[in-house]
PDB file of N, CA and C in Angstrom:
ATOM      1  N   MET A   1     124.693 111.141  91.922  1.00  0.00           N
ATOM      2  CA  MET A   1     124.287 111.602  93.214  1.00  0.00           C
ATOM      3  C   MET A   1     125.372 111.301  94.234  1.00  0.00           C
ATOM      4  N   THR A   2     125.691 112.267  95.055  1.00  0.00           N
ATOM      5  CA  THR A   2     126.754 112.117  96.042  1.00  0.00           C
ATOM      6  C   THR A   2     126.277 111.268  97.220  1.00  0.00           C
ATOM      7  N   ARG A   3     127.264 110.743  97.947  1.00  0.00           N
ATOM      8  CA  ARG A   3     126.930 109.965  99.128  1.00  0.00           C
ATOM      9  C   ARG A   3     126.179 110.802 100.143  1.00  0.00           C
ATOM     10  N   ARG A   4     126.552 112.038 100.205  1.00  0.00           N
ATOM     11  CA  ARG A   4     125.895 112.959 101.170  1.00  0.00           C
ATOM     12  C   ARG A   4     124.412 113.098 100.849  1.00  0.00           C
ATOM     13  N   LYS A   5     124.118 113.267  99.534  1.00  0.00           N
ATOM     14  CA  LYS A   5     122.709 113.373  99.135  1.00  0.00           C
ATOM     15  C   LYS A   5     121.923 112.060  99.371  1.00  0.00           C
ATOM     16  N   ILE A   6     122.581 110.945  99.132  1.00  0.00           N
ATOM     17  CA  ILE A   6     121.942 109.648  99.373  1.00  0.00           C
ATOM     18  C   ILE A   6     121.595 109.541 100.875  1.00  0.00           C
ATOM     19  N   MET A   7     122.507 109.870 101.726  1.00  0.00           N
ATOM     20  CA  MET A   7     122.283 109.833 103.156  1.00  0.00           C
ATOM     21  C   MET A   7     121.167 110.816 103.582  1.00  0.00           C
ATOM     22  N   LEU A   8     121.186 112.001 102.960  1.00  0.00           N
ATOM     23  CA  LEU A   8     120.181 112.992 103.254  1.00  0.00           C
ATOM     24  C   LEU A   8     118.773 112.459 102.886  1.00  0.00           C
ATOM     25  N   PHE A   9     118.621 111.854 101.732  1.00  0.00           N
ATOM     26  CA  PHE A   9     117.323 111.333 101.322  1.00  0.00           C
ATOM     27  C   PHE A   9     116.909 110.138 102.200  1.00  0.00           C
ATOM     28  N   ALA A  10     117.874 109.318 102.623  1.00  0.00           N
ATOM     29  CA  ALA A  10     117.555 108.230 103.513  1.00  0.00           C
ATOM     30  C   ALA A  10     117.057 108.792 104.840  1.00  0.00           C
ATOM     31  N   LEU A  11     117.724 109.787 105.375  1.00  0.00           N
ATOM     32  CA  LEU A  11     117.282 110.396 106.611  1.00  0.00           C
ATOM     33  C   LEU A  11     115.939 111.046 106.493  1.00  0.00           C
ATOM     34  N   ILE A  12     115.634 111.670 105.363  1.00  0.00           N
ATOM     35  CA  ILE A  12     114.314 112.249 105.129  1.00  0.00           C
ATOM     36  C   ILE A  12     113.285 111.113 105.144  1.00  0.00           C
ATOM     37  N   GLY A  13     113.618 109.983 104.507  1.00  0.00           N
ATOM     38  CA  GLY A  13     112.699 108.833 104.540  1.00  0.00           C
ATOM     39  C   GLY A  13     112.442 108.343 105.977  1.00  0.00           C
ATOM     40  N   VAL A  14     113.482 108.286 106.796  1.00  0.00           N
ATOM     41  CA  VAL A  14     113.315 107.929 108.212  1.00  0.00           C
ATOM     42  C   VAL A  14     112.399 108.904 108.920  1.00  0.00           C
ATOM     43  N   PHE A  15     112.649 110.175 108.702  1.00  0.00           N
ATOM     44  CA  PHE A  15     111.829 111.195 109.339  1.00  0.00           C
ATOM     45  C   PHE A  15     110.383 111.123 108.925  1.00  0.00           C
ATOM     46  N   LEU A  16     110.156 110.982 107.611  1.00  0.00           N
ATOM     47  CA  LEU A  16     108.769 110.944 107.113  1.00  0.00           C
ATOM     48  C   LEU A  16     108.064 109.680 107.590  1.00  0.00           C
ATOM     49  N   TRP A  17     108.801 108.545 107.664  1.00  0.00           N
ATOM     50  CA  TRP A  17     108.202 107.304 108.230  1.00  0.00           C
ATOM     51  C   TRP A  17     107.816 107.539 109.685  1.00  0.00           C
ATOM     52  N   PHE A  18     108.672 108.146 110.438  1.00  0.00           N
ATOM     53  CA  PHE A  18     108.355 108.396 111.855  1.00  0.00           C
ATOM     54  C   PHE A  18     107.143 109.268 112.026  1.00  0.00           C
ATOM     55  N   VAL A  19     107.071 110.317 111.236  1.00  0.00           N
ATOM     56  CA  VAL A  19     105.904 111.194 111.303  1.00  0.00           C
ATOM     57  C   VAL A  19     104.642 110.453 110.955  1.00  0.00           C
ATOM     58  N   ALA A  20     104.682 109.672 109.868  1.00  0.00           N
ATOM     59  CA  ALA A  20     103.482 108.910 109.451  1.00  0.00           C
ATOM     60  C   ALA A  20     103.140 107.851 110.490  1.00  0.00           C
ATOM     61  N   ALA A  21     104.104 107.195 111.054  1.00  0.00           N
ATOM     62  CA  ALA A  21     103.836 106.146 112.030  1.00  0.00           C
ATOM     63  C   ALA A  21     103.204 106.739 113.328  1.00  0.00           C
ATOM     64  N   ILE A  22     103.712 107.859 113.776  1.00  0.00           N
ATOM     65  CA  ILE A  22     103.136 108.483 114.937  1.00  0.00           C
ATOM     66  C   ILE A  22     101.732 108.983 114.663  1.00  0.00           C
ATOM     67  N   TRP A  23     101.541 109.563 113.472  1.00  0.00           N
ATOM     68  CA  TRP A  23     100.221 110.016 113.126  1.00  0.00           C
ATOM     69  C   TRP A  23      99.219 108.885 113.030  1.00  0.00           C
ATOM     70  N   LEU A  24      99.625 107.790 112.423  1.00  0.00           N
ATOM     71  CA  LEU A  24      98.773 106.618 112.289  1.00  0.00           C
ATOM     72  C   LEU A  24      98.477 106.010 113.664  1.00  0.00           C
ATOM     73  N   ARG A  25      99.464 106.033 114.526  1.00  0.00           N
ATOM     74  CA  ARG A  25      99.265 105.489 115.876  1.00  0.00           C
ATOM     75  C   ARG A  25      98.129 106.255 116.587  1.00  0.00           C
ATOM     76  N   GLY A  26      98.114 107.542 116.468  1.00  0.00           N
ATOM     77  CA  GLY A  26      97.119 108.341 117.139  1.00  0.00           C
ATOM     78  C   GLY A  26      95.743 108.319 116.504  1.00  0.00           C
ATOM     79  N   TRP A  27      95.718 108.235 115.154  1.00  0.00           N
ATOM     80  CA  TRP A  27      94.488 108.354 114.420  1.00  0.00           C
ATOM     81  C   TRP A  27      93.912 107.031 113.946  1.00  0.00           C
ATOM     82  N   ALA A  28      94.669 105.985 113.974  1.00  0.00           N
ATOM     83  CA  ALA A  28      94.271 104.710 113.414  1.00  0.00           C
ATOM     84  C   ALA A  28      92.906 104.227 113.910  1.00  0.00           C
ATOM     85  N   PRO A  29      92.642 104.270 115.211  1.00  0.00           N
ATOM     86  CA  PRO A  29      91.332 103.737 115.686  1.00  0.00           C
ATOM     87  C   PRO A  29      90.150 104.472 115.043  1.00  0.00           C
ATOM     88  N   ALA A  30      90.322 105.747 114.757  1.00  0.00           N
ATOM     89  CA  ALA A  30      89.236 106.503 114.128  1.00  0.00           C
ATOM     90  C   ALA A  30      89.119 106.165 112.611  1.00  0.00           C
ATOM     91  N   PHE A  31      90.219 105.798 111.986  1.00  0.00           N
ATOM     92  CA  PHE A  31      90.218 105.581 110.553  1.00  0.00           C
ATOM     93  C   PHE A  31      89.859 104.145 110.165  1.00  0.00           C
ATOM     94  N   TYR A  32      90.193 103.180 111.038  1.00  0.00           N
ATOM     95  CA  TYR A  32      90.121 101.817 110.583  1.00  0.00           C
ATOM     96  C   TYR A  32      88.850 101.083 111.028  1.00  0.00           C
ATOM     97  N   ASP A  33      87.724 101.708 110.783  1.00  0.00           N
ATOM     98  CA  ASP A  33      86.485 101.024 111.048  1.00  0.00           C
ATOM     99  C   ASP A  33      85.989 100.365 109.760  1.00  0.00           C
ATOM    100  N   LEU A  34      86.795 100.465 108.676  1.00  0.00           N
ATOM    101  CA  LEU A  34      86.468  99.939 107.322  1.00  0.00           C
ATOM    102  C   LEU A  34      85.311 100.665 106.690  1.00  0.00           C
ATOM    103  N   GLY A  35      84.991 101.812 107.194  1.00  0.00           N
ATOM    104  CA  GLY A  35      83.924 102.624 106.585  1.00  0.00           C
ATOM    105  C   GLY A  35      84.505 103.846 105.977  1.00  0.00           C
ATOM    106  N   ALA A  36      83.852 104.964 106.146  1.00  0.00           N
ATOM    107  CA  ALA A  36      84.277 106.221 105.529  1.00  0.00           C
ATOM    108  C   ALA A  36      85.642 106.663 106.073  1.00  0.00           C
ATOM    109  N   GLY A  37      85.933 106.385 107.321  1.00  0.00           N
ATOM    110  CA  GLY A  37      87.263 106.753 107.896  1.00  0.00           C
ATOM    111  C   GLY A  37      88.380 106.027 107.192  1.00  0.00           C
ATOM    112  N   HIS A  38      88.136 104.782 106.888  1.00  0.00           N
ATOM    113  CA  HIS A  38      89.155 103.965 106.189  1.00  0.00           C
ATOM    114  C   HIS A  38      89.458 104.604 104.819  1.00  0.00           C
ATOM    115  N   LEU A  39      88.444 104.929 104.058  1.00  0.00           N
ATOM    116  CA  LEU A  39      88.617 105.556 102.767  1.00  0.00           C
ATOM    117  C   LEU A  39      89.259 106.913 102.895  1.00  0.00           C
ATOM    118  N   THR A  40      88.907 107.662 103.955  1.00  0.00           N
ATOM    119  CA  THR A  40      89.485 108.966 104.173  1.00  0.00           C
ATOM    120  C   THR A  40      91.002 108.894 104.377  1.00  0.00           C
ATOM    121  N   ALA A  41      91.427 107.902 105.138  1.00  0.00           N
ATOM    122  CA  ALA A  41      92.851 107.723 105.397  1.00  0.00           C
ATOM    123  C   ALA A  41      93.630 107.454 104.098  1.00  0.00           C
ATOM    124  N   PHE A  42      93.083 106.608 103.253  1.00  0.00           N
ATOM    125  CA  PHE A  42      93.756 106.314 101.983  1.00  0.00           C
ATOM    126  C   PHE A  42      93.694 107.509 101.042  1.00  0.00           C
ATOM    127  N   ALA A  43      92.598 108.252 101.038  1.00  0.00           N
ATOM    128  CA  ALA A  43      92.515 109.461 100.199  1.00  0.00           C
ATOM    129  C   ALA A  43      93.533 110.506 100.670  1.00  0.00           C
ATOM    130  N   LEU A  44      93.667 110.637 101.977  1.00  0.00           N
ATOM    131  CA  LEU A  44      94.578 111.606 102.536  1.00  0.00           C
ATOM    132  C   LEU A  44      96.031 111.250 102.106  1.00  0.00           C
ATOM    133  N   ALA A  45      96.393 110.002 102.156  1.00  0.00           N
ATOM    134  CA  ALA A  45      97.720 109.588 101.695  1.00  0.00           C
ATOM    135  C   ALA A  45      97.892 109.870 100.238  1.00  0.00           C
ATOM    136  N   THR A  46      96.877 109.619  99.456  1.00  0.00           N
ATOM    137  CA  THR A  46      96.945 109.852  98.005  1.00  0.00           C
ATOM    138  C   THR A  46      97.231 111.305  97.676  1.00  0.00           C
ATOM    139  N   PHE A  47      96.567 112.211  98.395  1.00  0.00           N
ATOM    140  CA  PHE A  47      96.731 113.641  98.087  1.00  0.00           C
ATOM    141  C   PHE A  47      97.882 114.298  98.788  1.00  0.00           C
ATOM    142  N   THR A  48      98.426 113.718  99.847  1.00  0.00           N
ATOM    143  CA  THR A  48      99.582 114.343 100.513  1.00  0.00           C
ATOM    144  C   THR A  48     100.901 113.778  99.984  1.00  0.00           C
ATOM    145  N   ALA A  49     100.919 112.654  99.324  1.00  0.00           N
ATOM    146  CA  ALA A  49     102.144 112.103  98.808  1.00  0.00           C
ATOM    147  C   ALA A  49     102.857 113.034  97.825  1.00  0.00           C
ATOM    148  N   PRO A  50     102.180 113.659  96.881  1.00  0.00           N
ATOM    149  CA  PRO A  50     102.851 114.634  96.013  1.00  0.00           C
ATOM    150  C   PRO A  50     103.471 115.789  96.806  1.00  0.00           C
ATOM    151  N   LEU A  51     102.824 116.189  97.870  1.00  0.00           N
ATOM    152  CA  LEU A  51     103.356 117.271  98.722  1.00  0.00           C
ATOM    153  C   LEU A  51     104.681 116.860  99.389  1.00  0.00           C
ATOM    154  N   PHE A  52     104.751 115.622  99.813  1.00  0.00           N
ATOM    155  CA  PHE A  52     105.989 115.122 100.417  1.00  0.00           C
ATOM    156  C   PHE A  52     107.116 115.101  99.397  1.00  0.00           C
ATOM    157  N   VAL A  53     106.826 114.676  98.170  1.00  0.00           N
ATOM    158  CA  VAL A  53     107.880 114.639  97.116  1.00  0.00           C
ATOM    159  C   VAL A  53     108.292 116.085  96.798  1.00  0.00           C
ATOM    160  N   TRP A  54     107.338 116.965  96.655  1.00  0.00           N
ATOM    161  CA  TRP A  54     107.621 118.364  96.366  1.00  0.00           C
ATOM    162  C   TRP A  54     108.457 118.960  97.501  1.00  0.00           C
ATOM    163  N   GLY A  55     108.087 118.660  98.762  1.00  0.00           N
ATOM    164  CA  GLY A  55     108.814 119.192  99.887  1.00  0.00           C
ATOM    165  C   GLY A  55     110.236 118.680  99.956  1.00  0.00           C
ATOM    166  N   MET A  56     110.444 117.395  99.650  1.00  0.00           N
ATOM    167  CA  MET A  56     111.801 116.871  99.576  1.00  0.00           C
ATOM    168  C   MET A  56     112.599 117.570  98.514  1.00  0.00           C
ATOM    169  N   ALA A  57     111.984 117.809  97.358  1.00  0.00           N
ATOM    170  CA  ALA A  57     112.681 118.486  96.271  1.00  0.00           C
ATOM    171  C   ALA A  57     113.099 119.923  96.719  1.00  0.00           C
ATOM    172  N   LYS A  58     112.191 120.608  97.290  1.00  0.00           N
ATOM    173  CA  LYS A  58     112.491 122.004  97.741  1.00  0.00           C
ATOM    174  C   LYS A  58     113.540 122.024  98.834  1.00  0.00           C
ATOM    175  N   ALA A  59     113.408 121.101  99.816  1.00  0.00           N
ATOM    176  CA  ALA A  59     114.335 121.085 100.939  1.00  0.00           C
ATOM    177  C   ALA A  59     115.765 120.738 100.552  1.00  0.00           C
ATOM    178  N   THR A  60     115.906 120.010  99.453  1.00  0.00           N
ATOM    179  CA  THR A  60     117.267 119.551  99.052  1.00  0.00           C
ATOM    180  C   THR A  60     117.712 120.235  97.766  1.00  0.00           C
ATOM    181  N   ALA A  61     116.969 121.203  97.253  1.00  0.00           N
ATOM    182  CA  ALA A  61     117.285 121.923  96.037  1.00  0.00           C
ATOM    183  C   ALA A  61     117.524 120.969  94.854  1.00  0.00           C
ATOM    184  N   THR A  62     116.645 119.955  94.794  1.00  0.00           N
ATOM    185  CA  THR A  62     116.685 118.993  93.689  1.00  0.00           C
ATOM    186  C   THR A  62     115.565 119.318  92.756  1.00  0.00           C
ATOM    187  N   PRO A  63     115.813 119.335  91.434  1.00  0.00           N
ATOM    188  CA  PRO A  63     114.683 119.597  90.512  1.00  0.00           C
ATOM    189  C   PRO A  63     113.594 118.571  90.683  1.00  0.00           C
ATOM    190  N   LEU A  64     112.356 119.024  90.612  1.00  0.00           N
ATOM    191  CA  LEU A  64     111.204 118.134  90.837  1.00  0.00           C
ATOM    192  C   LEU A  64     111.197 116.993  89.835  1.00  0.00           C
ATOM    193  N   ASP A  65     111.632 117.232  88.629  1.00  0.00           N
ATOM    194  CA  ASP A  65     111.608 116.120  87.649  1.00  0.00           C
ATOM    195  C   ASP A  65     112.805 115.156  87.814  1.00  0.00           C
ATOM    196  N   ALA A  66     113.647 115.398  88.827  1.00  0.00           N
ATOM    197  CA  ALA A  66     114.744 114.466  89.113  1.00  0.00           C
ATOM    198  C   ALA A  66     114.566 113.751  90.445  1.00  0.00           C
ATOM    199  N   MET A  67     113.319 113.618  90.900  1.00  0.00           N
ATOM    200  CA  MET A  67     112.999 113.099  92.226  1.00  0.00           C
ATOM    201  C   MET A  67     112.726 111.574  92.236  1.00  0.00           C
ATOM    202  N   VAL A  68     112.871 110.888  91.147  1.00  0.00           N
ATOM    203  CA  VAL A  68     112.567 109.449  91.145  1.00  0.00           C
ATOM    204  C   VAL A  68     113.552 108.676  92.020  1.00  0.00           C
ATOM    205  N   ALA A  69     114.824 108.842  91.785  1.00  0.00           N
ATOM    206  CA  ALA A  69     115.817 108.110  92.596  1.00  0.00           C
ATOM    207  C   ALA A  69     115.797 108.607  94.054  1.00  0.00           C
ATOM    208  N   PRO A  70     115.766 109.914  94.332  1.00  0.00           N
ATOM    209  CA  PRO A  70     115.716 110.327  95.721  1.00  0.00           C
ATOM    210  C   PRO A  70     114.485 109.854  96.444  1.00  0.00           C
ATOM    211  N   THR A  71     113.349 109.820  95.802  1.00  0.00           N
ATOM    212  CA  THR A  71     112.133 109.293  96.392  1.00  0.00           C
ATOM    213  C   THR A  71     112.292 107.785  96.674  1.00  0.00           C
ATOM    214  N   GLY A  72     112.897 107.097  95.748  1.00  0.00           N
ATOM    215  CA  GLY A  72     113.167 105.664  95.961  1.00  0.00           C
ATOM    216  C   GLY A  72     114.043 105.406  97.137  1.00  0.00           C
ATOM    217  N   ILE A  73     115.052 106.248  97.337  1.00  0.00           N
ATOM    218  CA  ILE A  73     115.958 106.100  98.499  1.00  0.00           C
ATOM    219  C   ILE A  73     115.181 106.311  99.785  1.00  0.00           C
ATOM    220  N   ALA A  74     114.382 107.362  99.810  1.00  0.00           N
ATOM    221  CA  ALA A  74     113.587 107.683 101.012  1.00  0.00           C
ATOM    222  C   ALA A  74     112.627 106.536 101.302  1.00  0.00           C
ATOM    223  N   ILE A  75     112.003 105.974 100.229  1.00  0.00           N
ATOM    224  CA  ILE A  75     111.025 104.894 100.391  1.00  0.00           C
ATOM    225  C   ILE A  75     111.700 103.625 100.931  1.00  0.00           C
ATOM    226  N   VAL A  76     112.899 103.318 100.455  1.00  0.00           N
ATOM    227  CA  VAL A  76     113.609 102.156 100.931  1.00  0.00           C
ATOM    228  C   VAL A  76     113.856 102.257 102.446  1.00  0.00           C
ATOM    229  N   ALA A  77     114.326 103.408 102.863  1.00  0.00           N
ATOM    230  CA  ALA A  77     114.571 103.626 104.328  1.00  0.00           C
ATOM    231  C   ALA A  77     113.272 103.476 105.109  1.00  0.00           C
ATOM    232  N   ALA A  78     112.200 104.136 104.619  1.00  0.00           N
ATOM    233  CA  ALA A  78     110.910 104.074 105.324  1.00  0.00           C
ATOM    234  C   ALA A  78     110.326 102.665 105.351  1.00  0.00           C
ATOM    235  N   THR A  79     110.415 101.962 104.252  1.00  0.00           N
ATOM    236  CA  THR A  79     109.832 100.629 104.172  1.00  0.00           C
ATOM    237  C   THR A  79     110.604  99.631 105.033  1.00  0.00           C
ATOM    238  N   LEU A  80     111.927  99.749 105.088  1.00  0.00           N
ATOM    239  CA  LEU A  80     112.695  98.913 105.993  1.00  0.00           C
ATOM    240  C   LEU A  80     112.260  99.133 107.446  1.00  0.00           C
ATOM    241  N   LEU A  81     112.137 100.404 107.844  1.00  0.00           N
ATOM    242  CA  LEU A  81     111.704 100.669 109.202  1.00  0.00           C
ATOM    243  C   LEU A  81     110.315 100.186 109.500  1.00  0.00           C
ATOM    244  N   ASP A  82     109.460 100.282 108.482  1.00  0.00           N
ATOM    245  CA  ASP A  82     108.065  99.813 108.647  1.00  0.00           C
ATOM    246  C   ASP A  82     108.073  98.324 108.840  1.00  0.00           C
ATOM    247  N   GLY A  83     108.835  97.593 108.059  1.00  0.00           N
ATOM    248  CA  GLY A  83     108.920  96.140 108.216  1.00  0.00           C
ATOM    249  C   GLY A  83     109.478  95.744 109.599  1.00  0.00           C
ATOM    250  N   ILE A  84     110.474  96.445 110.061  1.00  0.00           N
ATOM    251  CA  ILE A  84     111.056  96.158 111.408  1.00  0.00           C
ATOM    252  C   ILE A  84     110.004  96.444 112.471  1.00  0.00           C
ATOM    253  N   ALA A  85     109.316  97.560 112.392  1.00  0.00           N
ATOM    254  CA  ALA A  85     108.327  97.940 113.395  1.00  0.00           C
ATOM    255  C   ALA A  85     107.144  96.990 113.387  1.00  0.00           C
ATOM    256  N   LEU A  86     106.652  96.607 112.170  1.00  0.00           N
ATOM    257  CA  LEU A  86     105.516  95.703 112.106  1.00  0.00           C
ATOM    258  C   LEU A  86     105.864  94.291 112.650  1.00  0.00           C
ATOM    259  N   THR A  87     107.095  93.874 112.421  1.00  0.00           N
ATOM    260  CA  THR A  87     107.500  92.534 112.787  1.00  0.00           C
ATOM    261  C   THR A  87     107.871  92.416 114.300  1.00  0.00           C
ATOM    262  N   TRP A  88     108.732  93.300 114.727  1.00  0.00           N
ATOM    263  CA  TRP A  88     109.274  93.137 116.088  1.00  0.00           C
ATOM    264  C   TRP A  88     108.735  94.132 117.108  1.00  0.00           C
ATOM    265  N   PHE A  89     108.128  95.216 116.670  1.00  0.00           N
ATOM    266  CA  PHE A  89     107.621  96.218 117.606  1.00  0.00           C
ATOM    267  C   PHE A  89     106.187  96.625 117.250  1.00  0.00           C
ATOM    268  N   PRO A  90     105.270  95.677 117.180  1.00  0.00           N
ATOM    269  CA  PRO A  90     103.873  96.049 116.788  1.00  0.00           C
ATOM    270  C   PRO A  90     103.217  97.012 117.746  1.00  0.00           C
ATOM    271  N   ALA A  91     103.659  97.082 118.980  1.00  0.00           N
ATOM    272  CA  ALA A  91     103.034  98.045 119.924  1.00  0.00           C
ATOM    273  C   ALA A  91     103.316  99.471 119.485  1.00  0.00           C
ATOM    274  N   PHE A  92     104.362  99.686 118.706  1.00  0.00           N
ATOM    275  CA  PHE A  92     104.635 101.009 118.197  1.00  0.00           C
ATOM    276  C   PHE A  92     103.437 101.581 117.396  1.00  0.00           C
ATOM    277  N   TYR A  93     102.736 100.689 116.727  1.00  0.00           N
ATOM    278  CA  TYR A  93     101.567 101.106 115.994  1.00  0.00           C
ATOM    279  C   TYR A  93     100.291 100.938 116.848  1.00  0.00           C
ATOM    280  N   ALA A  94     100.459 100.710 118.119  1.00  0.00           N
ATOM    281  CA  ALA A  94      99.309 100.663 119.046  1.00  0.00           C
ATOM    282  C   ALA A  94      98.304  99.586 118.731  1.00  0.00           C
ATOM    283  N   GLY A  95      98.793  98.403 118.377  1.00  0.00           N
ATOM    284  CA  GLY A  95      97.818  97.386 118.184  1.00  0.00           C
ATOM    285  C   GLY A  95      98.331  96.065 117.658  1.00  0.00           C
ATOM    286  N   GLN A  96      97.465  95.126 117.611  1.00  0.00           N
ATOM    287  CA  GLN A  96      97.716  93.786 117.074  1.00  0.00           C
ATOM    288  C   GLN A  96      96.569  93.467 116.098  1.00  0.00           C
ATOM    289  N   GLY A  97      96.662  92.382 115.395  1.00  0.00           N
ATOM    290  CA  GLY A  97      95.595  91.900 114.546  1.00  0.00           C
ATOM    291  C   GLY A  97      95.245  92.820 113.399  1.00  0.00           C
ATOM    292  N   PRO A  98      93.961  92.972 113.116  1.00  0.00           N
ATOM    293  CA  PRO A  98      93.565  93.744 111.929  1.00  0.00           C
ATOM    294  C   PRO A  98      94.054  95.172 111.941  1.00  0.00           C
ATOM    295  N   HIS A  99      94.064  95.785 113.125  1.00  0.00           N
ATOM    296  CA  HIS A  99      94.520  97.175 113.264  1.00  0.00           C
ATOM    297  C   HIS A  99      95.935  97.289 112.727  1.00  0.00           C
ATOM    298  N   LEU A 100      96.771  96.343 113.080  1.00  0.00           N
ATOM    299  CA  LEU A 100      98.176  96.368 112.654  1.00  0.00           C
ATOM    300  C   LEU A 100      98.279  96.190 111.135  1.00  0.00           C
ATOM    301  N   ALA A 101      97.470  95.308 110.580  1.00  0.00           N
ATOM    302  CA  ALA A 101      97.494  95.127 109.097  1.00  0.00           C
ATOM    303  C   ALA A 101      97.024  96.371 108.407  1.00  0.00           C
ATOM    304  N   TYR A 102      96.028  97.049 108.921  1.00  0.00           N
ATOM    305  CA  TYR A 102      95.528  98.263 108.288  1.00  0.00           C
ATOM    306  C   TYR A 102      96.571  99.393 108.337  1.00  0.00           C
ATOM    307  N   THR A 103      97.311  99.444 109.406  1.00  0.00           N
ATOM    308  CA  THR A 103      98.346 100.459 109.542  1.00  0.00           C
ATOM    309  C   THR A 103      99.478 100.176 108.535  1.00  0.00           C
ATOM    310  N   GLY A 104      99.886  98.916 108.431  1.00  0.00           N
ATOM    311  CA  GLY A 104     100.909  98.559 107.410  1.00  0.00           C
ATOM    312  C   GLY A 104     100.453  98.830 106.014  1.00  0.00           C
ATOM    313  N   ALA A 105      99.190  98.508 105.754  1.00  0.00           N
ATOM    314  CA  ALA A 105      98.621  98.768 104.404  1.00  0.00           C
ATOM    315  C   ALA A 105      98.587 100.255 104.127  1.00  0.00           C
ATOM    316  N   GLN A 106      98.275 101.065 105.125  1.00  0.00           N
ATOM    317  CA  GLN A 106      98.227 102.525 104.937  1.00  0.00           C
ATOM    318  C   GLN A 106      99.596 103.068 104.619  1.00  0.00           C
ATOM    319  N   LEU A 107     100.619 102.603 105.315  1.00  0.00           N
ATOM    320  CA  LEU A 107     101.961 103.085 105.068  1.00  0.00           C
ATOM    321  C   LEU A 107     102.482 102.619 103.696  1.00  0.00           C
ATOM    322  N   LEU A 108     102.170 101.406 103.314  1.00  0.00           N
ATOM    323  CA  LEU A 108     102.542 100.908 101.950  1.00  0.00           C
ATOM    324  C   LEU A 108     101.827 101.706 100.872  1.00  0.00           C
ATOM    325  N   TRP A 109     100.578 102.019 101.089  1.00  0.00           N
ATOM    326  CA  TRP A 109      99.835 102.846 100.115  1.00  0.00           C
ATOM    327  C   TRP A 109     100.491 104.217  99.987  1.00  0.00           C
ATOM    328  N   GLY A 110     100.880 104.806 101.130  1.00  0.00           N
ATOM    329  CA  GLY A 110     101.477 106.120 101.100  1.00  0.00           C
ATOM    330  C   GLY A 110     102.778 106.150 100.337  1.00  0.00           C
ATOM    331  N   VAL A 111     103.675 105.164 100.551  1.00  0.00           N
ATOM    332  CA  VAL A 111     104.930 105.156  99.842  1.00  0.00           C
ATOM    333  C   VAL A 111     104.751 104.852  98.341  1.00  0.00           C
ATOM    334  N   GLY A 112     103.734 104.033  98.037  1.00  0.00           N
ATOM    335  CA  GLY A 112     103.421 103.801  96.623  1.00  0.00           C
ATOM    336  C   GLY A 112     102.927 105.054  95.956  1.00  0.00           C
ATOM    337  N   CYS A 113     102.108 105.805  96.623  1.00  0.00           N
ATOM    338  CA  CYS A 113     101.630 107.104  96.085  1.00  0.00           C
ATOM    339  C   CYS A 113     102.760 108.113  95.920  1.00  0.00           C
ATOM    340  N   ALA A 114     103.716 108.088  96.853  1.00  0.00           N
ATOM    341  CA  ALA A 114     104.865 108.968  96.729  1.00  0.00           C
ATOM    342  C   ALA A 114     105.715 108.601  95.516  1.00  0.00           C
ATOM    343  N   MET A 115     105.900 107.300  95.278  1.00  0.00           N
ATOM    344  CA  MET A 115     106.712 106.899  94.125  1.00  0.00           C
ATOM    345  C   MET A 115     106.005 107.205  92.835  1.00  0.00           C
ATOM    346  N   LEU A 116     104.699 106.998  92.827  1.00  0.00           N
ATOM    347  CA  LEU A 116     103.904 107.337  91.613  1.00  0.00           C
ATOM    348  C   LEU A 116     103.998 108.857  91.368  1.00  0.00           C
ATOM    349  N   SER A 117     103.899 109.654  92.448  1.00  0.00           N
ATOM    350  CA  SER A 117     104.052 111.106  92.267  1.00  0.00           C
ATOM    351  C   SER A 117     105.359 111.495  91.678  1.00  0.00           C
ATOM    352  N   ALA A 118     106.456 110.889  92.184  1.00  0.00           N
ATOM    353  CA  ALA A 118     107.768 111.213  91.604  1.00  0.00           C
ATOM    354  C   ALA A 118     107.855 110.826  90.147  1.00  0.00           C
ATOM    355  N   LEU A 119     107.285 109.700  89.788  1.00  0.00           N
ATOM    356  CA  LEU A 119     107.267 109.298  88.379  1.00  0.00           C
ATOM    357  C   LEU A 119     106.427 110.265  87.532  1.00  0.00           C
ATOM    358  N   ILE A 120     105.352 110.721  88.025  1.00  0.00           N
ATOM    359  CA  ILE A 120     104.518 111.669  87.290  1.00  0.00           C
ATOM    360  C   ILE A 120     105.265 112.986  87.103  1.00  0.00           C
ATOM    361  N   PHE A 121     105.956 113.463  88.178  1.00  0.00           N
ATOM    362  CA  PHE A 121     106.722 114.699  88.068  1.00  0.00           C
ATOM    363  C   PHE A 121     107.824 114.554  87.071  1.00  0.00           C
ATOM    364  N   ALA A 122     108.361 113.355  86.879  1.00  0.00           N
ATOM    365  CA  ALA A 122     109.517 113.125  86.006  1.00  0.00           C
ATOM    366  C   ALA A 122     109.119 112.620  84.622  1.00  0.00           C
ATOM    367  N   ARG A 123     107.845 112.637  84.305  1.00  0.00           N
ATOM    368  CA  ARG A 123     107.387 111.987  83.059  1.00  0.00           C
ATOM    369  C   ARG A 123     108.056 112.578  81.803  1.00  0.00           C
ATOM    370  N   ARG A 124     108.330 113.843  81.778  1.00  0.00           N
ATOM    371  CA  ARG A 124     108.991 114.385  80.578  1.00  0.00           C
ATOM    372  C   ARG A 124     110.458 113.964  80.487  1.00  0.00           C
ATOM    373  N   ARG A 125     111.116 113.922  81.644  1.00  0.00           N
ATOM    374  CA  ARG A 125     112.496 113.498  81.703  1.00  0.00           C
ATOM    375  C   ARG A 125     112.638 112.015  81.304  1.00  0.00           C
ATOM    376  N   LEU A 126     111.659 111.232  81.707  1.00  0.00           N
ATOM    377  CA  LEU A 126     111.716 109.778  81.452  1.00  0.00           C
ATOM    378  C   LEU A 126     111.270 109.404  80.052  1.00  0.00           C
ATOM    379  N   ALA A 127     110.605 110.301  79.352  1.00  0.00           N
ATOM    380  CA  ALA A 127     110.076 110.009  78.014  1.00  0.00           C
ATOM    381  C   ALA A 127     111.167 109.902  76.979  1.00  0.00           C
TER     382      ALA A 127
END
């Protein structure tokens, strides 16, 4: 993989983190009542993660079964930004306390689902 592609996937990870963070900031109060909304947020991340991996593959002309490393690069960038935001800029996620923990958990769940999706797409190549 070229340096240009590595930077591209890192930038995609930054962009996707920003989109997810802004979305969670706006919708988190509705989702984090620990009831049906909470489950809905996690289900939504589960079902949209494969779409993000597919979209990255299409946008970069990378075969879908070769998306494990690119997804990992995007996840590293997103997770680093998430850690920085949760630690030093918690107001970015519009809250403190349990709300902040739920937002962090939601983002971690989403990146985990994205990595699992990339692994599933690459299962034949990895076999």
